[in-house]
């Protein structure tokens, strides 16, 4: 009976932050309004020293410890939140960044998740899977981390030193290769993915949040 009540309570109290019963998703309308929604939703990231760039598309402008609702949500995602949450965020991302009026919008997309640091499916995998399921795109978890370490505690210059191994080459792929990660900070992982995947001619990065460093 106790297990049933816990499950029932989690089903009806869907706001992951304040526990409100009056909401339409995993955050109530009040908490949604407090989230740091991005204004433009995209920035350019340097690809290499030749001047090439690729675009990062995201939902939230995040500065740690400045928005408690966003902090709580992103921490929950790291902890293995329900896949339905990733699907909700993926649907919002697609609605904002993908032209769904085009026939078969996801057919020419290949979605590649950031590699897990623990050799198992993680938050980036769940984010990429949710996006590919909605778009009906090919999902290719083909990256392997060679030297990741703990990016969180590294300086900006140290974050730029990262190596990934790609098991597929997209240098001649005519569609768009989309590298996905839940949070992007300096773009070091995205740049490493860009090289590991063969410098695809059409390359984008999709994330839930763009994390701004304190010095910015």
N, C-alpha and C. Protein backbone atom coordinates (compact mmCIF):
# COMPACT_ATOMS: atom_id res chain seq x y z
N UNK A 1 0.82 -1.19 0.00
CA UNK A 1 0.00 0.00 0.00
C UNK A 1 0.87 1.26 0.00
N UNK A 2 1.93 1.25 0.83
CA UNK A 2 2.82 2.41 0.91
C UNK A 2 3.48 2.66 -0.44
N UNK A 3 3.92 1.56 -1.12
CA UNK A 3 4.55 1.69 -2.42
C UNK A 3 3.57 2.29 -3.43
N UNK A 4 2.30 1.86 -3.35
CA UNK A 4 1.28 2.38 -4.25
C UNK A 4 1.08 3.87 -4.03
N UNK A 5 1.03 4.30 -2.77
CA UNK A 5 0.81 5.71 -2.46
C UNK A 5 1.97 6.56 -2.95
N UNK A 6 3.19 6.05 -2.82
CA UNK A 6 4.36 6.78 -3.30
C UNK A 6 4.30 6.94 -4.81
N UNK A 7 3.98 5.84 -5.51
CA UNK A 7 3.88 5.89 -6.97
C UNK A 7 2.76 6.82 -7.40
N UNK A 8 1.60 6.74 -6.71
CA UNK A 8 0.46 7.57 -7.06
C UNK A 8 0.77 9.04 -6.83
N UNK A 9 1.46 9.32 -5.71
CA UNK A 9 1.82 10.70 -5.40
C UNK A 9 2.77 11.27 -6.44
N UNK A 10 3.73 10.45 -6.89
CA UNK A 10 4.70 10.93 -7.89
C UNK A 10 4.02 11.17 -9.23
N UNK A 11 2.94 10.42 -9.49
CA UNK A 11 2.23 10.59 -10.75
C UNK A 11 1.43 11.89 -10.78
N UNK A 12 0.79 12.25 -9.65
CA UNK A 12 -0.09 13.41 -9.68
C UNK A 12 0.65 14.69 -9.32
N UNK A 13 1.76 14.61 -8.57
CA UNK A 13 2.50 15.81 -8.22
C UNK A 13 3.68 15.90 -9.17
N UNK A 14 3.43 16.47 -10.33
CA UNK A 14 4.41 16.37 -11.40
C UNK A 14 5.44 17.49 -11.43
N UNK A 15 5.26 18.57 -10.68
CA UNK A 15 6.27 19.62 -10.69
C UNK A 15 7.50 19.13 -9.94
N UNK A 16 8.60 19.01 -10.65
CA UNK A 16 9.81 18.44 -10.05
C UNK A 16 10.50 19.39 -9.09
N UNK A 17 10.07 20.65 -9.05
CA UNK A 17 10.73 21.61 -8.16
C UNK A 17 9.91 21.94 -6.92
N UNK A 18 8.70 22.45 -7.11
CA UNK A 18 7.91 22.91 -5.97
C UNK A 18 6.85 21.91 -5.51
N UNK A 19 6.62 20.86 -6.30
CA UNK A 19 5.65 19.86 -5.91
C UNK A 19 4.20 20.28 -6.10
N UNK A 20 3.95 21.29 -6.88
CA UNK A 20 2.60 21.77 -7.09
C UNK A 20 1.73 20.72 -7.78
N UNK A 21 0.47 20.65 -7.35
CA UNK A 21 -0.49 19.75 -7.98
C UNK A 21 -1.12 20.39 -9.21
N UNK A 22 -0.96 21.70 -9.35
CA UNK A 22 -1.64 22.41 -10.43
C UNK A 22 -0.65 22.74 -11.53
N UNK A 23 -0.43 21.79 -12.41
CA UNK A 23 0.53 21.99 -13.48
C UNK A 23 0.19 21.09 -14.65
N UNK A 24 0.84 21.31 -15.76
CA UNK A 24 0.55 20.55 -16.97
C UNK A 24 1.77 19.75 -17.45
N UNK A 25 2.80 19.69 -16.67
CA UNK A 25 3.99 18.97 -17.08
C UNK A 25 4.85 18.69 -15.87
N UNK A 26 6.17 18.50 -16.08
CA UNK A 26 7.03 18.18 -14.95
C UNK A 26 7.44 19.42 -14.18
N UNK A 27 7.16 20.61 -14.71
CA UNK A 27 7.29 21.85 -13.95
C UNK A 27 5.96 22.59 -14.03
N UNK A 28 5.54 23.20 -12.94
CA UNK A 28 4.30 23.96 -12.98
C UNK A 28 4.53 25.27 -13.76
N UNK A 29 3.45 25.96 -14.08
CA UNK A 29 3.56 27.17 -14.88
C UNK A 29 4.41 28.23 -14.18
N UNK A 30 4.29 28.31 -12.85
CA UNK A 30 5.08 29.29 -12.10
C UNK A 30 6.57 29.02 -12.20
N UNK A 31 6.94 27.73 -12.09
CA UNK A 31 8.36 27.37 -12.19
C UNK A 31 8.88 27.53 -13.61
N UNK A 32 8.03 27.22 -14.60
CA UNK A 32 8.43 27.42 -15.99
C UNK A 32 8.79 28.88 -16.25
N UNK A 33 8.01 29.78 -15.68
CA UNK A 33 8.26 31.20 -15.89
C UNK A 33 9.58 31.65 -15.26
N UNK A 34 10.04 30.91 -14.26
CA UNK A 34 11.29 31.26 -13.59
C UNK A 34 12.51 30.70 -14.30
N UNK A 35 12.31 29.81 -15.24
CA UNK A 35 13.44 29.23 -15.95
C UNK A 35 14.11 30.29 -16.83
N UNK A 36 15.45 30.23 -16.96
CA UNK A 36 16.18 31.24 -17.77
C UNK A 36 16.13 30.93 -19.26
N UNK A 37 14.97 31.07 -19.86
CA UNK A 37 14.81 30.79 -21.29
C UNK A 37 15.73 31.68 -22.12
N UNK A 38 16.37 31.09 -23.10
CA UNK A 38 17.29 31.85 -23.94
C UNK A 38 16.53 32.82 -24.82
N UNK A 39 17.15 33.95 -25.10
CA UNK A 39 16.53 34.95 -25.96
C UNK A 39 16.65 34.58 -27.43
N UNK A 40 17.85 34.27 -27.87
CA UNK A 40 18.07 33.91 -29.28
C UNK A 40 18.09 32.41 -29.49
N UNK A 41 18.57 31.70 -28.48
CA UNK A 41 18.58 30.24 -28.57
C UNK A 41 19.70 29.65 -29.39
N UNK A 42 20.68 30.47 -29.78
CA UNK A 42 21.80 29.92 -30.52
C UNK A 42 23.03 30.82 -30.39
N UNK A 43 24.19 30.20 -30.46
CA UNK A 43 25.47 30.91 -30.49
C UNK A 43 26.38 30.18 -31.47
N UNK A 44 27.45 30.84 -31.89
CA UNK A 44 28.43 30.21 -32.78
C UNK A 44 29.63 29.74 -31.97
N UNK A 45 30.13 28.57 -32.31
CA UNK A 45 31.30 27.99 -31.65
C UNK A 45 32.40 27.81 -32.69
N UNK A 46 33.62 28.16 -32.33
CA UNK A 46 34.74 28.01 -33.25
C UNK A 46 35.03 26.53 -33.47
N UNK A 47 35.15 26.14 -34.74
CA UNK A 47 35.41 24.74 -35.06
C UNK A 47 36.89 24.39 -35.06
N UNK A 48 37.72 25.22 -35.71
CA UNK A 48 39.16 24.97 -35.74
C UNK A 48 39.88 26.29 -36.03
N UNK A 49 41.20 26.21 -36.19
CA UNK A 49 41.99 27.42 -36.39
C UNK A 49 41.83 28.04 -37.78
N UNK A 50 41.13 27.35 -38.68
CA UNK A 50 40.94 27.89 -40.02
C UNK A 50 39.82 28.92 -40.08
N UNK A 51 39.13 29.09 -38.97
CA UNK A 51 38.04 30.06 -38.94
C UNK A 51 36.67 29.44 -39.10
N UNK A 52 36.61 28.12 -39.24
CA UNK A 52 35.31 27.46 -39.38
C UNK A 52 34.52 27.58 -38.08
N UNK A 53 33.21 27.62 -38.20
CA UNK A 53 32.32 27.73 -37.05
C UNK A 53 31.13 26.80 -37.23
N UNK A 54 30.53 26.42 -36.11
CA UNK A 54 29.27 25.70 -36.18
C UNK A 54 28.34 26.26 -35.12
N UNK A 55 27.07 25.95 -35.26
CA UNK A 55 26.06 26.58 -34.42
C UNK A 55 25.68 25.69 -33.25
N UNK A 56 25.46 26.31 -32.11
CA UNK A 56 24.92 25.64 -30.92
C UNK A 56 23.50 26.14 -30.72
N UNK A 57 22.54 25.23 -30.66
CA UNK A 57 21.15 25.58 -30.41
C UNK A 57 20.75 25.01 -29.04
N UNK A 58 20.08 25.82 -28.24
CA UNK A 58 19.80 25.40 -26.86
C UNK A 58 18.53 26.08 -26.35
N UNK A 59 18.07 25.62 -25.17
CA UNK A 59 16.84 26.16 -24.58
C UNK A 59 17.08 27.20 -23.49
N UNK A 60 18.06 26.95 -22.61
CA UNK A 60 18.23 27.79 -21.43
C UNK A 60 19.62 28.41 -21.34
N UNK A 61 19.66 29.70 -20.96
CA UNK A 61 20.91 30.36 -20.59
C UNK A 61 21.12 30.14 -19.10
N UNK A 62 22.10 29.34 -18.76
CA UNK A 62 22.25 28.91 -17.37
C UNK A 62 23.54 29.43 -16.75
N UNK A 63 23.40 30.05 -15.59
CA UNK A 63 24.53 30.39 -14.74
C UNK A 63 24.31 29.71 -13.41
N UNK A 64 25.22 28.82 -13.05
CA UNK A 64 25.06 28.03 -11.84
C UNK A 64 24.88 28.93 -10.62
N UNK A 65 23.98 28.51 -9.74
CA UNK A 65 23.69 29.19 -8.47
C UNK A 65 22.97 30.53 -8.62
N UNK A 66 22.49 30.83 -9.83
CA UNK A 66 21.74 32.07 -10.03
C UNK A 66 20.25 31.82 -10.26
N UNK A 67 19.90 30.58 -10.55
CA UNK A 67 18.49 30.24 -10.78
C UNK A 67 18.24 28.88 -10.15
N UNK A 68 17.59 28.85 -9.00
CA UNK A 68 17.43 27.60 -8.26
C UNK A 68 16.57 26.58 -8.99
N UNK A 69 15.59 27.04 -9.73
CA UNK A 69 14.74 26.11 -10.48
C UNK A 69 15.55 25.41 -11.56
N UNK A 70 16.33 26.18 -12.29
CA UNK A 70 17.17 25.61 -13.35
C UNK A 70 18.23 24.69 -12.76
N UNK A 71 18.85 25.11 -11.66
CA UNK A 71 19.84 24.26 -10.99
C UNK A 71 19.24 22.91 -10.64
N UNK A 72 18.03 22.94 -10.07
CA UNK A 72 17.38 21.71 -9.62
C UNK A 72 17.02 20.81 -10.80
N UNK A 73 16.52 21.41 -11.87
CA UNK A 73 16.12 20.63 -13.03
C UNK A 73 17.33 19.95 -13.67
N UNK A 74 18.40 20.70 -13.90
CA UNK A 74 19.57 20.14 -14.57
C UNK A 74 20.26 19.09 -13.69
N UNK A 75 20.25 19.30 -12.38
CA UNK A 75 20.80 18.30 -11.47
C UNK A 75 19.99 17.02 -11.52
N UNK A 76 18.67 17.17 -11.61
CA UNK A 76 17.80 16.00 -11.70
C UNK A 76 18.05 15.22 -12.98
N UNK A 77 18.30 15.93 -14.07
CA UNK A 77 18.59 15.25 -15.33
C UNK A 77 19.87 14.43 -15.23
N UNK A 78 20.86 14.98 -14.54
CA UNK A 78 22.12 14.26 -14.35
C UNK A 78 21.89 12.98 -13.55
N UNK A 79 20.88 13.03 -12.69
CA UNK A 79 20.60 11.88 -11.83
C UNK A 79 19.76 10.81 -12.50
N UNK A 80 19.46 10.96 -13.78
CA UNK A 80 18.70 9.93 -14.47
C UNK A 80 17.21 10.14 -14.40
N UNK A 81 16.77 11.37 -14.70
CA UNK A 81 15.35 11.71 -14.65
C UNK A 81 14.57 10.81 -15.63
N UNK A 82 13.26 10.77 -15.44
CA UNK A 82 12.37 10.01 -16.30
C UNK A 82 12.55 10.41 -17.76
N UNK A 83 12.52 9.43 -18.66
CA UNK A 83 12.68 9.70 -20.08
C UNK A 83 11.61 10.65 -20.60
N UNK A 84 10.44 10.68 -19.96
CA UNK A 84 9.38 11.58 -20.39
C UNK A 84 9.81 13.04 -20.26
N UNK A 85 10.66 13.34 -19.29
CA UNK A 85 11.15 14.70 -19.12
C UNK A 85 12.04 15.08 -20.31
N UNK A 86 12.91 14.17 -20.71
CA UNK A 86 13.76 14.43 -21.88
C UNK A 86 12.90 14.60 -23.13
N UNK A 87 11.84 13.81 -23.24
CA UNK A 87 10.96 13.94 -24.41
C UNK A 87 10.25 15.29 -24.42
N UNK A 88 9.84 15.76 -23.26
CA UNK A 88 9.19 17.07 -23.16
C UNK A 88 10.16 18.17 -23.59
N UNK A 89 11.38 18.12 -23.08
CA UNK A 89 12.38 19.12 -23.44
C UNK A 89 12.75 19.01 -24.92
N UNK A 90 12.84 17.78 -25.43
CA UNK A 90 13.15 17.58 -26.84
C UNK A 90 12.07 18.17 -27.74
N UNK A 91 10.81 17.97 -27.33
CA UNK A 91 9.70 18.52 -28.12
C UNK A 91 9.75 20.04 -28.14
N UNK A 92 10.09 20.66 -27.01
CA UNK A 92 10.22 22.11 -26.95
C UNK A 92 11.37 22.59 -27.82
N UNK A 93 12.48 21.87 -27.77
CA UNK A 93 13.66 22.22 -28.57
C UNK A 93 13.33 22.14 -30.06
N UNK A 94 12.69 21.06 -30.47
CA UNK A 94 12.35 20.87 -31.88
C UNK A 94 11.36 21.93 -32.36
N UNK A 95 10.39 22.24 -31.52
CA UNK A 95 9.40 23.26 -31.88
C UNK A 95 10.09 24.60 -32.13
N UNK A 96 11.16 24.86 -31.40
CA UNK A 96 11.84 26.14 -31.51
C UNK A 96 12.88 26.17 -32.62
N UNK A 97 13.55 25.04 -32.85
CA UNK A 97 14.73 25.07 -33.72
C UNK A 97 14.63 24.28 -35.02
N UNK A 98 13.59 23.48 -35.17
CA UNK A 98 13.51 22.64 -36.37
C UNK A 98 12.27 23.03 -37.17
N UNK A 99 12.45 23.19 -38.46
CA UNK A 99 11.33 23.54 -39.34
C UNK A 99 10.58 22.26 -39.68
N UNK A 100 9.55 21.96 -38.89
CA UNK A 100 8.84 20.70 -39.06
C UNK A 100 7.90 20.72 -40.27
N UNK A 101 7.71 21.88 -40.88
CA UNK A 101 6.85 21.96 -42.06
C UNK A 101 7.51 21.32 -43.27
N UNK A 102 8.83 21.16 -43.19
CA UNK A 102 9.53 20.50 -44.29
C UNK A 102 9.21 19.01 -44.27
N UNK A 103 8.96 18.39 -45.43
CA UNK A 103 8.67 16.95 -45.46
C UNK A 103 9.80 16.13 -44.85
N UNK A 104 9.47 15.26 -43.94
CA UNK A 104 10.45 14.37 -43.32
C UNK A 104 11.64 15.17 -42.79
N UNK A 105 11.36 16.08 -41.89
CA UNK A 105 12.39 16.99 -41.39
C UNK A 105 13.59 16.28 -40.77
N UNK A 106 13.37 15.10 -40.19
CA UNK A 106 14.48 14.44 -39.51
C UNK A 106 15.25 13.45 -40.35
N UNK A 107 14.83 13.22 -41.59
CA UNK A 107 15.46 12.19 -42.42
C UNK A 107 16.92 12.50 -42.71
N UNK A 108 17.24 13.75 -42.95
CA UNK A 108 18.62 14.13 -43.29
C UNK A 108 19.45 14.53 -42.08
N UNK A 109 18.99 14.11 -40.91
CA UNK A 109 19.74 14.37 -39.68
C UNK A 109 20.30 13.08 -39.12
N UNK A 110 21.54 13.14 -38.66
CA UNK A 110 22.14 12.06 -37.89
C UNK A 110 22.45 12.63 -36.51
N UNK A 111 21.93 12.02 -35.48
CA UNK A 111 22.11 12.53 -34.12
C UNK A 111 23.14 11.68 -33.39
N UNK A 112 24.19 12.35 -32.91
CA UNK A 112 25.31 11.67 -32.24
C UNK A 112 25.43 12.22 -30.82
N UNK A 113 25.24 11.39 -29.79
CA UNK A 113 25.33 11.87 -28.41
C UNK A 113 26.77 11.98 -27.92
N UNK A 114 26.98 12.86 -26.96
CA UNK A 114 28.28 12.92 -26.28
C UNK A 114 28.53 11.57 -25.61
N UNK A 115 29.76 11.11 -25.59
CA UNK A 115 30.02 9.79 -25.00
C UNK A 115 29.89 9.81 -23.49
N UNK A 116 29.44 8.70 -22.95
CA UNK A 116 29.33 8.57 -21.50
C UNK A 116 30.71 8.41 -20.88
N UNK A 117 30.88 8.94 -19.70
CA UNK A 117 32.15 8.78 -18.98
C UNK A 117 32.21 7.46 -18.24
N UNK A 118 31.09 6.73 -18.23
CA UNK A 118 31.03 5.51 -17.41
C UNK A 118 30.64 4.28 -18.23
N UNK A 119 30.78 4.35 -19.54
CA UNK A 119 30.52 3.23 -20.44
C UNK A 119 29.09 2.71 -20.34
N UNK A 120 28.15 3.60 -20.08
CA UNK A 120 26.74 3.21 -20.08
C UNK A 120 25.91 4.43 -20.50
N UNK A 121 24.69 4.16 -20.90
CA UNK A 121 23.81 5.24 -21.33
C UNK A 121 23.62 6.25 -20.21
N UNK A 122 23.71 7.54 -20.55
CA UNK A 122 23.57 8.57 -19.53
C UNK A 122 22.64 9.67 -20.03
N UNK A 123 22.73 10.87 -19.42
CA UNK A 123 21.82 11.97 -19.73
C UNK A 123 21.95 12.43 -21.19
N UNK A 124 23.17 12.51 -21.72
CA UNK A 124 23.34 12.92 -23.11
C UNK A 124 22.71 11.89 -24.05
N UNK A 125 22.85 10.62 -23.71
CA UNK A 125 22.25 9.54 -24.50
C UNK A 125 20.73 9.67 -24.48
N UNK A 126 20.17 9.91 -23.29
CA UNK A 126 18.71 10.04 -23.15
C UNK A 126 18.19 11.24 -23.92
N UNK A 127 18.93 12.35 -23.88
CA UNK A 127 18.57 13.57 -24.61
C UNK A 127 18.58 13.31 -26.12
N UNK A 128 19.64 12.68 -26.60
CA UNK A 128 19.74 12.38 -28.02
C UNK A 128 18.69 11.39 -28.49
N UNK A 129 18.41 10.39 -27.68
CA UNK A 129 17.41 9.40 -28.04
C UNK A 129 16.02 10.03 -28.13
N UNK A 130 15.71 10.94 -27.21
CA UNK A 130 14.41 11.61 -27.23
C UNK A 130 14.27 12.45 -28.50
N UNK A 131 15.32 13.17 -28.86
CA UNK A 131 15.29 13.98 -30.08
C UNK A 131 15.12 13.11 -31.33
N UNK A 132 15.88 12.03 -31.41
CA UNK A 132 15.81 11.18 -32.60
C UNK A 132 14.47 10.46 -32.70
N UNK A 133 13.88 10.09 -31.57
CA UNK A 133 12.58 9.41 -31.60
C UNK A 133 11.50 10.34 -32.17
N UNK A 134 11.51 11.59 -31.72
CA UNK A 134 10.48 12.54 -32.17
C UNK A 134 10.68 12.88 -33.65
N UNK A 135 11.94 13.05 -34.05
CA UNK A 135 12.23 13.43 -35.43
C UNK A 135 12.30 12.25 -36.38
N UNK A 136 12.32 11.04 -35.81
CA UNK A 136 12.50 9.83 -36.61
C UNK A 136 13.82 9.90 -37.37
N UNK A 137 14.85 10.35 -36.66
CA UNK A 137 16.19 10.48 -37.24
C UNK A 137 17.07 9.30 -36.85
N UNK A 138 18.14 9.13 -37.58
CA UNK A 138 19.10 8.08 -37.26
C UNK A 138 19.88 8.48 -36.01
N UNK A 139 19.99 7.56 -35.06
CA UNK A 139 20.69 7.80 -33.79
C UNK A 139 21.98 6.98 -33.81
N UNK A 140 23.12 7.67 -33.73
CA UNK A 140 24.41 7.00 -33.90
C UNK A 140 25.34 7.31 -32.71
N UNK A 141 25.30 6.48 -31.67
CA UNK A 141 26.20 6.69 -30.52
C UNK A 141 27.59 6.15 -30.83
N UNK A 142 28.34 6.88 -31.64
CA UNK A 142 29.59 6.36 -32.20
C UNK A 142 30.85 7.00 -31.64
N UNK A 143 30.71 7.82 -30.60
CA UNK A 143 31.88 8.50 -30.04
C UNK A 143 32.38 7.80 -28.78
N UNK A 144 33.68 7.81 -28.63
CA UNK A 144 34.32 7.22 -27.45
C UNK A 144 35.26 8.25 -26.83
N UNK A 145 35.17 8.42 -25.52
CA UNK A 145 36.03 9.37 -24.83
C UNK A 145 37.41 8.75 -24.59
N UNK A 146 38.44 9.50 -24.99
CA UNK A 146 39.81 9.04 -24.76
C UNK A 146 40.42 9.78 -23.58
N UNK A 147 40.13 11.08 -23.47
CA UNK A 147 40.69 11.88 -22.37
C UNK A 147 39.67 12.92 -21.96
N UNK A 148 38.69 12.50 -21.17
CA UNK A 148 37.67 13.42 -20.74
C UNK A 148 37.98 13.99 -19.38
N UNK A 149 38.16 13.10 -18.39
CA UNK A 149 38.39 13.57 -17.03
C UNK A 149 37.17 14.30 -16.51
N UNK A 150 37.37 15.13 -15.50
CA UNK A 150 36.28 15.90 -14.91
C UNK A 150 36.31 17.32 -15.45
N UNK A 151 35.50 17.59 -16.49
CA UNK A 151 35.49 18.90 -17.12
C UNK A 151 35.02 19.99 -16.16
N UNK A 152 34.16 19.63 -15.24
CA UNK A 152 33.54 20.61 -14.35
C UNK A 152 34.56 21.39 -13.54
N UNK A 153 35.63 20.73 -13.11
CA UNK A 153 36.61 21.37 -12.23
C UNK A 153 37.84 21.89 -12.97
N UNK A 154 37.78 21.95 -14.29
CA UNK A 154 38.92 22.41 -15.05
C UNK A 154 38.79 23.88 -15.42
N UNK A 155 39.93 24.51 -15.68
CA UNK A 155 39.93 25.89 -16.14
C UNK A 155 39.49 25.93 -17.60
N UNK A 156 39.23 27.15 -18.12
CA UNK A 156 38.82 27.27 -19.52
C UNK A 156 39.85 26.67 -20.46
N UNK A 157 41.14 26.95 -20.24
CA UNK A 157 42.18 26.42 -21.13
C UNK A 157 42.27 24.90 -21.03
N UNK A 158 42.09 24.36 -19.82
CA UNK A 158 42.14 22.91 -19.64
C UNK A 158 40.95 22.23 -20.31
N UNK A 159 39.80 22.91 -20.31
CA UNK A 159 38.61 22.34 -20.94
C UNK A 159 38.80 22.19 -22.44
N UNK A 160 39.66 23.02 -23.03
CA UNK A 160 39.86 22.98 -24.48
C UNK A 160 40.73 21.82 -24.92
N UNK A 161 41.30 21.07 -23.96
CA UNK A 161 42.14 19.92 -24.27
C UNK A 161 41.30 18.66 -24.04
N UNK A 162 40.81 18.09 -25.12
CA UNK A 162 39.91 16.96 -25.02
C UNK A 162 40.02 16.14 -26.29
N UNK A 163 39.99 14.84 -26.14
CA UNK A 163 40.13 13.98 -27.30
C UNK A 163 39.04 12.93 -27.31
N UNK A 164 38.38 12.79 -28.45
CA UNK A 164 37.36 11.78 -28.64
C UNK A 164 37.72 10.93 -29.85
N UNK A 165 37.26 9.70 -29.85
CA UNK A 165 37.46 8.80 -30.98
C UNK A 165 36.10 8.54 -31.62
N UNK A 166 36.02 8.72 -32.94
CA UNK A 166 34.78 8.46 -33.65
C UNK A 166 34.85 7.16 -34.41
N UNK A 167 33.82 6.34 -34.29
CA UNK A 167 33.80 5.05 -34.98
C UNK A 167 33.12 5.13 -36.34
N UNK A 168 32.65 6.32 -36.71
CA UNK A 168 32.09 6.54 -38.05
C UNK A 168 32.59 7.90 -38.55
N UNK A 169 32.80 7.98 -39.85
CA UNK A 169 33.30 9.21 -40.45
C UNK A 169 32.20 9.84 -41.31
N UNK A 170 31.93 11.12 -41.05
CA UNK A 170 30.86 11.82 -41.76
C UNK A 170 31.40 12.96 -42.62
N UNK A 171 32.65 12.85 -43.05
CA UNK A 171 33.28 13.93 -43.81
C UNK A 171 32.59 14.18 -45.15
N UNK A 172 31.90 13.19 -45.69
CA UNK A 172 31.22 13.35 -46.98
C UNK A 172 29.71 13.24 -46.84
N UNK A 173 29.23 13.28 -45.63
CA UNK A 173 27.78 13.17 -45.41
C UNK A 173 27.10 14.45 -45.84
N UNK A 174 26.07 14.33 -46.68
CA UNK A 174 25.41 15.52 -47.24
C UNK A 174 24.30 16.07 -46.34
N UNK A 175 23.88 15.30 -45.36
CA UNK A 175 22.90 15.80 -44.41
C UNK A 175 23.58 16.55 -43.28
N UNK A 176 22.87 16.73 -42.18
CA UNK A 176 23.41 17.45 -41.03
C UNK A 176 23.72 16.49 -39.89
N UNK A 177 24.94 16.57 -39.39
CA UNK A 177 25.33 15.80 -38.21
C UNK A 177 25.05 16.67 -36.99
N UNK A 178 24.23 16.16 -36.08
CA UNK A 178 23.87 16.91 -34.88
C UNK A 178 24.50 16.23 -33.67
N UNK A 179 25.45 16.91 -33.05
CA UNK A 179 26.06 16.42 -31.82
C UNK A 179 25.22 16.92 -30.66
N UNK A 180 24.83 16.03 -29.75
CA UNK A 180 23.95 16.44 -28.65
C UNK A 180 24.62 16.19 -27.29
N UNK A 181 24.44 17.18 -26.42
CA UNK A 181 24.89 17.07 -25.03
C UNK A 181 23.90 17.86 -24.20
N UNK A 182 23.70 17.47 -22.96
CA UNK A 182 22.68 18.16 -22.16
C UNK A 182 23.09 19.58 -21.81
N UNK A 183 24.39 19.79 -21.53
CA UNK A 183 24.89 21.12 -21.18
C UNK A 183 26.17 21.39 -21.96
N UNK A 184 26.28 22.57 -22.54
CA UNK A 184 27.50 22.98 -23.24
C UNK A 184 28.05 24.22 -22.55
N UNK A 185 29.35 24.23 -22.28
CA UNK A 185 29.97 25.38 -21.61
C UNK A 185 30.93 26.10 -22.56
N UNK A 186 32.11 25.56 -22.75
CA UNK A 186 33.07 26.20 -23.65
C UNK A 186 32.99 25.68 -25.07
N UNK A 187 32.35 24.54 -25.25
CA UNK A 187 32.29 23.93 -26.58
C UNK A 187 33.42 22.97 -26.85
N UNK A 188 34.24 22.67 -25.83
CA UNK A 188 35.40 21.80 -26.04
C UNK A 188 34.98 20.39 -26.47
N UNK A 189 33.96 19.84 -25.85
CA UNK A 189 33.50 18.50 -26.22
C UNK A 189 32.93 18.51 -27.63
N UNK A 190 32.20 19.56 -27.97
CA UNK A 190 31.63 19.67 -29.32
C UNK A 190 32.73 19.77 -30.37
N UNK A 191 33.77 20.55 -30.09
CA UNK A 191 34.89 20.66 -31.03
C UNK A 191 35.58 19.32 -31.22
N UNK A 192 35.78 18.60 -30.11
CA UNK A 192 36.42 17.29 -30.19
C UNK A 192 35.56 16.33 -31.01
N UNK A 193 34.25 16.42 -30.85
CA UNK A 193 33.34 15.58 -31.62
C UNK A 193 33.42 15.93 -33.11
N UNK A 194 33.50 17.20 -33.40
CA UNK A 194 33.60 17.69 -34.78
C UNK A 194 34.79 17.05 -35.49
N UNK A 195 35.94 17.03 -34.84
CA UNK A 195 37.14 16.42 -35.42
C UNK A 195 37.00 14.90 -35.50
N UNK A 196 36.50 14.29 -34.42
CA UNK A 196 36.40 12.83 -34.36
C UNK A 196 35.45 12.28 -35.41
N UNK A 197 34.46 13.06 -35.80
CA UNK A 197 33.48 12.62 -36.78
C UNK A 197 33.87 12.99 -38.22
N UNK A 198 35.08 13.51 -38.38
CA UNK A 198 35.59 13.78 -39.73
C UNK A 198 35.31 15.16 -40.26
N UNK A 199 35.06 16.14 -39.36
CA UNK A 199 34.73 17.51 -39.76
C UNK A 199 33.57 17.53 -40.77
N UNK A 200 32.41 17.09 -40.37
CA UNK A 200 31.26 17.07 -41.29
C UNK A 200 30.99 18.46 -41.87
N UNK A 201 30.63 18.54 -43.15
CA UNK A 201 30.38 19.84 -43.78
C UNK A 201 29.18 20.56 -43.18
N UNK A 202 28.24 19.81 -42.62
CA UNK A 202 27.07 20.41 -41.97
C UNK A 202 26.98 19.83 -40.56
N UNK A 203 27.37 20.64 -39.59
CA UNK A 203 27.51 20.16 -38.21
C UNK A 203 26.86 21.15 -37.26
N UNK A 204 26.02 20.65 -36.36
CA UNK A 204 25.37 21.49 -35.36
C UNK A 204 25.48 20.82 -33.99
N UNK A 205 25.28 21.63 -32.96
CA UNK A 205 25.26 21.13 -31.58
C UNK A 205 23.92 21.51 -30.97
N UNK A 206 23.25 20.55 -30.35
CA UNK A 206 21.99 20.82 -29.68
C UNK A 206 22.13 20.47 -28.20
N UNK A 207 21.76 21.40 -27.35
CA UNK A 207 21.85 21.14 -25.91
C UNK A 207 20.61 21.68 -25.21
N UNK A 208 20.42 21.22 -23.99
CA UNK A 208 19.32 21.74 -23.17
C UNK A 208 19.70 23.11 -22.63
N UNK A 209 20.96 23.24 -22.19
CA UNK A 209 21.38 24.51 -21.59
C UNK A 209 22.77 24.90 -22.08
N UNK A 210 22.97 26.21 -22.20
CA UNK A 210 24.29 26.79 -22.47
C UNK A 210 24.75 27.40 -21.16
N UNK A 211 25.80 26.83 -20.59
CA UNK A 211 26.25 27.26 -19.26
C UNK A 211 27.27 28.38 -19.39
N UNK A 212 26.94 29.52 -18.82
CA UNK A 212 27.83 30.67 -18.83
C UNK A 212 28.73 30.60 -17.60
N UNK A 213 30.03 30.80 -17.82
CA UNK A 213 30.98 30.78 -16.71
C UNK A 213 30.88 32.08 -15.93
N UNK A 214 31.31 32.05 -14.68
CA UNK A 214 31.19 33.20 -13.79
C UNK A 214 31.92 34.42 -14.33
N UNK A 215 33.02 34.21 -15.05
CA UNK A 215 33.81 35.33 -15.55
C UNK A 215 33.18 36.01 -16.74
N UNK A 216 32.17 35.39 -17.33
CA UNK A 216 31.55 35.97 -18.53
C UNK A 216 30.59 37.10 -18.19
